[in-house]
Amino acid sequence: MLVRLLYVSRSVKPETPEETESILNSSREHNISNGITGVLCFGGGIYLQAIEGGRNQVNALYTHIVKDPRHKDVVILDYQEITERRFGGWTMGHVRLDKLNPSIVLKYSETPELDPYGVSGHVSFALLEELMATASIVGRA
């Protein structure tokens, strides 16, 4: 059974390109062997991530994510059974939220800075789908 989990978290310390690259690299290494795909959006101390795969694998990964000391305030925005993957081309694609066109973010948020804590999971997922449609997601590793 396939599931998709969408969550948000805050970085414990100011994010650096090296820290984010470390997260992406470890995600890609782990995900490929566990059949997990997804996308990580980051910027302004916020991480928004969608992960897809088998229910047991996604649940185990989320348990690991919650315990990761690099972030806090981990909140599930959406969790659902799916019939097909939406992010099947990425072991872990990524988007820099601070580099997005503010008009895209304003479609889904009250301000040009996205706050996934203040919108529904459906709204956050709609933003991810728009990012896919506009080729804003990179890192097809």
N, C-alpha and C. Protein backbone atom coordinates (compact mmCIF):
# COMPACT_ATOMS: atom_id res chain seq x y z
N MET A 1 0.84 -1.18 0.00
CA MET A 1 0.00 0.00 0.00
C MET A 1 0.88 1.24 0.00
N LEU A 2 0.63 2.14 -0.93
CA LEU A 2 1.37 3.40 -1.02
C LEU A 2 0.69 4.48 -0.19
N VAL A 3 1.50 5.32 0.45
CA VAL A 3 1.00 6.47 1.19
C VAL A 3 1.85 7.69 0.87
N ARG A 4 1.28 8.84 1.12
CA ARG A 4 2.02 10.11 1.02
C ARG A 4 1.86 10.83 2.34
N LEU A 5 2.98 11.32 2.87
CA LEU A 5 2.99 12.08 4.11
C LEU A 5 3.58 13.45 3.81
N LEU A 6 2.92 14.48 4.26
CA LEU A 6 3.38 15.85 4.10
C LEU A 6 3.54 16.44 5.49
N TYR A 7 4.74 16.96 5.78
CA TYR A 7 4.96 17.54 7.10
C TYR A 7 5.76 18.83 6.97
N VAL A 8 5.76 19.59 8.06
CA VAL A 8 6.53 20.83 8.15
C VAL A 8 7.33 20.78 9.44
N SER A 9 8.50 21.43 9.43
CA SER A 9 9.30 21.54 10.64
C SER A 9 10.12 22.83 10.57
N ARG A 10 10.71 23.18 11.71
CA ARG A 10 11.59 24.35 11.78
C ARG A 10 13.02 23.89 12.06
N SER A 11 13.94 24.57 11.44
CA SER A 11 15.36 24.28 11.67
C SER A 11 15.73 24.74 13.08
N VAL A 12 16.53 23.93 13.77
CA VAL A 12 16.96 24.28 15.13
C VAL A 12 17.96 25.43 15.09
N LYS A 13 18.85 25.42 14.10
CA LYS A 13 19.82 26.50 13.97
C LYS A 13 19.72 27.04 12.55
N PRO A 14 20.30 28.21 12.30
CA PRO A 14 20.21 28.76 10.95
C PRO A 14 20.69 27.76 9.90
N GLU A 15 19.87 27.60 8.86
CA GLU A 15 20.23 26.63 7.82
C GLU A 15 21.40 27.15 7.01
N THR A 16 22.24 26.23 6.62
CA THR A 16 23.37 26.54 5.76
C THR A 16 23.26 25.65 4.53
N PRO A 17 23.87 26.04 3.44
CA PRO A 17 23.85 25.17 2.26
C PRO A 17 24.45 23.79 2.56
N GLU A 18 25.47 23.76 3.41
CA GLU A 18 26.11 22.49 3.76
C GLU A 18 25.16 21.60 4.55
N GLU A 19 24.44 22.16 5.49
CA GLU A 19 23.49 21.39 6.31
C GLU A 19 22.36 20.84 5.44
N THR A 20 21.83 21.67 4.57
CA THR A 20 20.75 21.23 3.70
C THR A 20 21.24 20.17 2.73
N GLU A 21 22.42 20.34 2.19
CA GLU A 21 22.99 19.34 1.29
C GLU A 21 23.21 18.02 2.01
N SER A 22 23.61 18.09 3.27
CA SER A 22 23.78 16.89 4.08
C SER A 22 22.44 16.16 4.26
N ILE A 23 21.39 16.92 4.52
CA ILE A 23 20.05 16.32 4.67
C ILE A 23 19.62 15.67 3.36
N LEU A 24 19.82 16.38 2.25
CA LEU A 24 19.43 15.84 0.94
C LEU A 24 20.22 14.58 0.61
N ASN A 25 21.53 14.59 0.84
CA ASN A 25 22.35 13.43 0.52
C ASN A 25 21.95 12.21 1.35
N SER A 26 21.76 12.40 2.66
CA SER A 26 21.37 11.26 3.49
C SER A 26 19.97 10.78 3.12
N SER A 27 19.08 11.69 2.75
CA SER A 27 17.74 11.29 2.32
C SER A 27 17.82 10.44 1.06
N ARG A 28 18.59 10.89 0.10
CA ARG A 28 18.68 10.16 -1.17
C ARG A 28 19.28 8.78 -0.96
N GLU A 29 20.30 8.67 -0.14
CA GLU A 29 20.91 7.36 0.11
C GLU A 29 19.92 6.42 0.77
N HIS A 30 19.22 6.90 1.77
CA HIS A 30 18.26 6.07 2.50
C HIS A 30 17.05 5.75 1.63
N ASN A 31 16.54 6.74 0.93
CA ASN A 31 15.28 6.59 0.20
C ASN A 31 15.35 5.59 -0.93
N ILE A 32 16.44 5.61 -1.67
CA ILE A 32 16.52 4.73 -2.84
C ILE A 32 16.43 3.26 -2.43
N SER A 33 17.04 2.89 -1.32
CA SER A 33 17.01 1.50 -0.89
C SER A 33 15.71 1.13 -0.18
N ASN A 34 14.89 2.13 0.16
CA ASN A 34 13.63 1.87 0.85
C ASN A 34 12.41 2.19 0.01
N GLY A 35 12.62 2.50 -1.28
CA GLY A 35 11.50 2.75 -2.16
C GLY A 35 10.73 4.03 -1.84
N ILE A 36 11.42 5.01 -1.27
CA ILE A 36 10.76 6.27 -0.90
C ILE A 36 11.14 7.36 -1.90
N THR A 37 10.16 8.13 -2.31
CA THR A 37 10.37 9.27 -3.19
C THR A 37 9.77 10.50 -2.52
N GLY A 38 10.14 11.69 -3.02
CA GLY A 38 9.56 12.88 -2.42
C GLY A 38 10.26 14.15 -2.82
N VAL A 39 9.93 15.19 -2.08
CA VAL A 39 10.50 16.51 -2.33
C VAL A 39 10.65 17.24 -1.00
N LEU A 40 11.75 18.00 -0.88
CA LEU A 40 12.03 18.79 0.30
C LEU A 40 12.10 20.25 -0.12
N CYS A 41 11.28 21.08 0.51
CA CYS A 41 11.32 22.53 0.28
C CYS A 41 11.88 23.16 1.55
N PHE A 42 12.75 24.13 1.39
CA PHE A 42 13.36 24.74 2.55
C PHE A 42 13.63 26.21 2.30
N GLY A 43 13.63 26.98 3.38
CA GLY A 43 13.93 28.40 3.32
C GLY A 43 13.37 29.11 4.53
N GLY A 44 14.08 30.11 4.98
CA GLY A 44 13.61 30.88 6.12
C GLY A 44 13.45 30.06 7.39
N GLY A 45 14.25 29.00 7.51
CA GLY A 45 14.17 28.16 8.71
C GLY A 45 13.05 27.15 8.68
N ILE A 46 12.32 27.06 7.56
CA ILE A 46 11.19 26.14 7.43
C ILE A 46 11.55 25.01 6.48
N TYR A 47 11.17 23.80 6.85
CA TYR A 47 11.27 22.64 5.97
C TYR A 47 9.86 22.12 5.72
N LEU A 48 9.51 21.96 4.45
CA LEU A 48 8.23 21.39 4.03
C LEU A 48 8.60 20.18 3.18
N GLN A 49 8.16 19.00 3.59
CA GLN A 49 8.58 17.80 2.89
C GLN A 49 7.40 16.87 2.63
N ALA A 50 7.37 16.33 1.41
CA ALA A 50 6.42 15.27 1.05
C ALA A 50 7.25 14.01 0.82
N ILE A 51 6.82 12.90 1.43
CA ILE A 51 7.47 11.62 1.20
C ILE A 51 6.40 10.60 0.82
N GLU A 52 6.76 9.73 -0.12
CA GLU A 52 5.84 8.73 -0.63
C GLU A 52 6.52 7.36 -0.62
N GLY A 53 5.73 6.34 -0.45
CA GLY A 53 6.27 4.99 -0.49
C GLY A 53 5.34 4.04 0.22
N GLY A 54 5.86 2.86 0.55
CA GLY A 54 5.10 1.89 1.30
C GLY A 54 4.76 2.44 2.68
N ARG A 55 3.60 2.04 3.19
CA ARG A 55 3.15 2.59 4.49
C ARG A 55 4.19 2.34 5.59
N ASN A 56 4.70 1.13 5.70
CA ASN A 56 5.67 0.83 6.77
C ASN A 56 6.95 1.65 6.61
N GLN A 57 7.42 1.80 5.38
CA GLN A 57 8.65 2.55 5.14
C GLN A 57 8.47 4.04 5.44
N VAL A 58 7.35 4.61 5.01
CA VAL A 58 7.09 6.03 5.26
C VAL A 58 6.91 6.27 6.76
N ASN A 59 6.18 5.40 7.44
CA ASN A 59 5.99 5.57 8.88
C ASN A 59 7.32 5.48 9.63
N ALA A 60 8.17 4.53 9.24
CA ALA A 60 9.48 4.39 9.89
C ALA A 60 10.33 5.63 9.64
N LEU A 61 10.30 6.14 8.42
CA LEU A 61 11.07 7.34 8.11
C LEU A 61 10.57 8.54 8.92
N TYR A 62 9.26 8.69 9.01
CA TYR A 62 8.71 9.82 9.78
C TYR A 62 9.12 9.72 11.25
N THR A 63 9.12 8.53 11.81
CA THR A 63 9.55 8.35 13.19
C THR A 63 11.00 8.81 13.35
N HIS A 64 11.83 8.50 12.38
CA HIS A 64 13.23 8.94 12.39
C HIS A 64 13.32 10.47 12.27
N ILE A 65 12.50 11.04 11.39
CA ILE A 65 12.50 12.50 11.18
C ILE A 65 12.16 13.23 12.47
N VAL A 66 11.15 12.75 13.17
CA VAL A 66 10.71 13.41 14.41
C VAL A 66 11.84 13.43 15.44
N LYS A 67 12.67 12.40 15.44
CA LYS A 67 13.77 12.31 16.41
C LYS A 67 15.03 13.06 15.97
N ASP A 68 15.07 13.52 14.73
CA ASP A 68 16.26 14.19 14.19
C ASP A 68 16.49 15.50 14.94
N PRO A 69 17.66 15.68 15.56
CA PRO A 69 17.91 16.89 16.36
C PRO A 69 18.12 18.16 15.54
N ARG A 70 18.16 18.05 14.22
CA ARG A 70 18.39 19.24 13.39
C ARG A 70 17.14 20.10 13.22
N HIS A 71 15.98 19.56 13.62
CA HIS A 71 14.78 20.38 13.50
C HIS A 71 13.81 20.12 14.64
N LYS A 72 12.81 20.99 14.73
CA LYS A 72 11.82 20.95 15.82
C LYS A 72 10.46 21.31 15.25
N ASP A 73 9.45 21.29 16.10
CA ASP A 73 8.08 21.67 15.71
C ASP A 73 7.61 20.87 14.49
N VAL A 74 7.87 19.58 14.47
CA VAL A 74 7.48 18.72 13.36
C VAL A 74 5.98 18.46 13.44
N VAL A 75 5.26 18.81 12.36
CA VAL A 75 3.80 18.69 12.33
C VAL A 75 3.39 18.01 11.02
N ILE A 76 2.56 16.97 11.13
CA ILE A 76 1.99 16.34 9.93
C ILE A 76 0.90 17.25 9.38
N LEU A 77 1.01 17.61 8.11
CA LEU A 77 0.00 18.42 7.45
C LEU A 77 -1.01 17.56 6.70
N ASP A 78 -0.55 16.41 6.19
CA ASP A 78 -1.44 15.53 5.45
C ASP A 78 -0.83 14.14 5.40
N TYR A 79 -1.69 13.13 5.48
CA TYR A 79 -1.27 11.74 5.37
C TYR A 79 -2.40 11.01 4.69
N GLN A 80 -2.08 10.35 3.58
CA GLN A 80 -3.15 9.67 2.86
C GLN A 80 -2.64 8.48 2.07
N GLU A 81 -3.55 7.53 1.87
CA GLU A 81 -3.27 6.42 0.97
C GLU A 81 -3.36 6.97 -0.45
N ILE A 82 -2.46 6.50 -1.33
CA ILE A 82 -2.44 6.98 -2.71
C ILE A 82 -2.41 5.78 -3.65
N THR A 83 -2.88 5.99 -4.86
CA THR A 83 -2.85 4.93 -5.86
C THR A 83 -1.61 5.01 -6.73
N GLU A 84 -1.00 6.20 -6.79
CA GLU A 84 0.23 6.37 -7.54
C GLU A 84 1.05 7.50 -6.94
N ARG A 85 2.34 7.44 -7.19
CA ARG A 85 3.25 8.46 -6.66
C ARG A 85 3.14 9.74 -7.49
N ARG A 86 3.25 10.84 -6.84
CA ARG A 86 3.29 12.13 -7.52
C ARG A 86 4.73 12.58 -7.73
N PHE A 87 5.64 12.11 -6.88
CA PHE A 87 7.04 12.52 -6.92
C PHE A 87 7.94 11.33 -7.25
N GLY A 88 7.46 10.43 -8.08
CA GLY A 88 8.17 9.21 -8.40
C GLY A 88 9.51 9.41 -9.08
N GLY A 89 9.74 10.57 -9.67
CA GLY A 89 10.99 10.84 -10.36
C GLY A 89 12.11 11.32 -9.44
N TRP A 90 11.82 11.50 -8.17
CA TRP A 90 12.81 12.05 -7.26
C TRP A 90 13.02 11.15 -6.06
N THR A 91 14.27 10.73 -5.79
CA THR A 91 14.54 10.09 -4.51
C THR A 91 14.45 11.17 -3.43
N MET A 92 14.76 12.40 -3.79
CA MET A 92 14.47 13.56 -2.95
C MET A 92 14.79 14.82 -3.74
N GLY A 93 13.76 15.36 -4.41
CA GLY A 93 13.91 16.63 -5.10
C GLY A 93 13.96 17.75 -4.07
N HIS A 94 14.36 18.93 -4.49
CA HIS A 94 14.38 20.03 -3.54
C HIS A 94 14.06 21.37 -4.19
N VAL A 95 13.56 22.26 -3.35
CA VAL A 95 13.17 23.62 -3.75
C VAL A 95 13.62 24.56 -2.64
N ARG A 96 14.24 25.66 -3.02
CA ARG A 96 14.57 26.70 -2.04
C ARG A 96 13.39 27.66 -1.96
N LEU A 97 12.66 27.63 -0.85
CA LEU A 97 11.49 28.48 -0.69
C LEU A 97 11.84 29.96 -0.77
N ASP A 98 13.04 30.31 -0.31
CA ASP A 98 13.43 31.72 -0.32
C ASP A 98 13.79 32.21 -1.73
N LYS A 99 13.85 31.31 -2.70
CA LYS A 99 14.16 31.70 -4.08
C LYS A 99 12.92 31.69 -4.99
N LEU A 100 11.76 31.38 -4.41
CA LEU A 100 10.54 31.31 -5.22
C LEU A 100 10.05 32.70 -5.60
N ASN A 101 9.38 32.75 -6.73
CA ASN A 101 8.70 33.97 -7.14
C ASN A 101 7.59 34.25 -6.11
N PRO A 102 7.59 35.43 -5.48
CA PRO A 102 6.58 35.72 -4.45
C PRO A 102 5.14 35.58 -4.95
N SER A 103 4.92 35.76 -6.25
CA SER A 103 3.55 35.65 -6.75
C SER A 103 3.04 34.21 -6.67
N ILE A 104 3.94 33.24 -6.80
CA ILE A 104 3.52 31.84 -6.63
C ILE A 104 3.10 31.60 -5.18
N VAL A 105 3.91 32.07 -4.25
CA VAL A 105 3.61 31.87 -2.84
C VAL A 105 2.32 32.60 -2.46
N LEU A 106 2.10 33.81 -3.01
CA LEU A 106 0.90 34.58 -2.67
C LEU A 106 -0.39 33.89 -3.12
N LYS A 107 -0.30 33.01 -4.09
CA LYS A 107 -1.49 32.24 -4.48
C LYS A 107 -1.97 31.36 -3.34
N TYR A 108 -1.06 30.96 -2.46
CA TYR A 108 -1.37 29.97 -1.43
C TYR A 108 -1.20 30.48 0.00
N SER A 109 -0.82 31.74 0.14
CA SER A 109 -0.50 32.26 1.47
C SER A 109 -0.95 33.71 1.59
N GLU A 110 -1.12 34.15 2.82
CA GLU A 110 -1.54 35.54 3.06
C GLU A 110 -0.40 36.52 2.82
N THR A 111 0.83 36.05 2.90
CA THR A 111 2.00 36.91 2.71
C THR A 111 2.95 36.25 1.71
N PRO A 112 3.94 36.99 1.21
CA PRO A 112 4.89 36.40 0.27
C PRO A 112 5.81 35.35 0.91
N GLU A 113 5.80 35.24 2.22
CA GLU A 113 6.56 34.19 2.89
C GLU A 113 5.61 33.07 3.27
N LEU A 114 5.88 31.91 2.73
CA LEU A 114 5.03 30.76 2.99
C LEU A 114 5.16 30.32 4.45
N ASP A 115 4.01 30.12 5.09
CA ASP A 115 3.99 29.58 6.44
C ASP A 115 3.10 28.34 6.43
N PRO A 116 3.69 27.17 6.18
CA PRO A 116 2.88 25.95 6.12
C PRO A 116 2.14 25.66 7.42
N TYR A 117 2.59 26.23 8.55
CA TYR A 117 1.90 26.04 9.81
C TYR A 117 0.53 26.75 9.80
N GLY A 118 0.39 27.75 8.94
CA GLY A 118 -0.83 28.55 8.94
C GLY A 118 -1.80 28.22 7.82
N VAL A 119 -1.49 27.21 7.00
CA VAL A 119 -2.39 26.82 5.91
C VAL A 119 -2.65 25.32 6.00
N SER A 120 -3.64 24.87 5.29
CA SER A 120 -3.99 23.45 5.32
C SER A 120 -2.96 22.62 4.55
N GLY A 121 -2.98 21.33 4.81
CA GLY A 121 -2.12 20.42 4.08
C GLY A 121 -2.45 20.42 2.60
N HIS A 122 -3.74 20.58 2.26
CA HIS A 122 -4.15 20.62 0.86
C HIS A 122 -3.55 21.83 0.15
N VAL A 123 -3.49 22.96 0.83
CA VAL A 123 -2.90 24.16 0.25
C VAL A 123 -1.39 23.95 0.05
N SER A 124 -0.72 23.38 1.04
CA SER A 124 0.71 23.13 0.91
C SER A 124 0.98 22.15 -0.23
N PHE A 125 0.14 21.13 -0.37
CA PHE A 125 0.34 20.17 -1.46
C PHE A 125 0.07 20.82 -2.81
N ALA A 126 -0.92 21.70 -2.88
CA ALA A 126 -1.20 22.42 -4.14
C ALA A 126 0.01 23.25 -4.55
N LEU A 127 0.68 23.87 -3.58
CA LEU A 127 1.91 24.62 -3.88
C LEU A 127 2.97 23.67 -4.45
N LEU A 128 3.14 22.50 -3.84
CA LEU A 128 4.13 21.55 -4.35
C LEU A 128 3.80 21.15 -5.78
N GLU A 129 2.54 20.93 -6.07
CA GLU A 129 2.16 20.57 -7.44
C GLU A 129 2.45 21.70 -8.41
N GLU A 130 2.22 22.94 -8.00
CA GLU A 130 2.56 24.07 -8.87
C GLU A 130 4.07 24.15 -9.09
N LEU A 131 4.83 23.89 -8.05
CA LEU A 131 6.29 23.91 -8.18
C LEU A 131 6.74 22.85 -9.19
N MET A 132 6.09 21.69 -9.18
CA MET A 132 6.40 20.65 -10.19
C MET A 132 6.05 21.15 -11.57
N ALA A 133 4.89 21.75 -11.70
CA ALA A 133 4.42 22.21 -13.04
C ALA A 133 5.31 23.31 -13.60
N THR A 134 5.90 24.12 -12.74
CA THR A 134 6.74 25.23 -13.21
C THR A 134 8.23 24.85 -13.20
N ALA A 135 8.52 23.58 -13.00
CA ALA A 135 9.90 23.08 -13.02
C ALA A 135 10.77 23.75 -11.95
N SER A 136 10.17 24.08 -10.82
CA SER A 136 10.93 24.68 -9.72
C SER A 136 11.62 23.64 -8.86
N ILE A 137 11.19 22.37 -8.98
CA ILE A 137 11.81 21.31 -8.20
C ILE A 137 13.03 20.80 -8.96
N VAL A 138 14.14 20.73 -8.26
CA VAL A 138 15.38 20.26 -8.89
C VAL A 138 15.90 19.05 -8.13
N GLY A 139 16.94 18.45 -8.67
CA GLY A 139 17.59 17.36 -7.96
C GLY A 139 16.97 16.00 -8.21
N ARG A 140 16.75 15.66 -9.46
CA ARG A 140 16.17 14.35 -9.80
C ARG A 140 17.17 13.25 -9.53
N ALA A 141 17.58 13.13 -8.29
CA ALA A 141 18.58 12.10 -7.94
C ALA A 141 17.88 10.81 -7.59
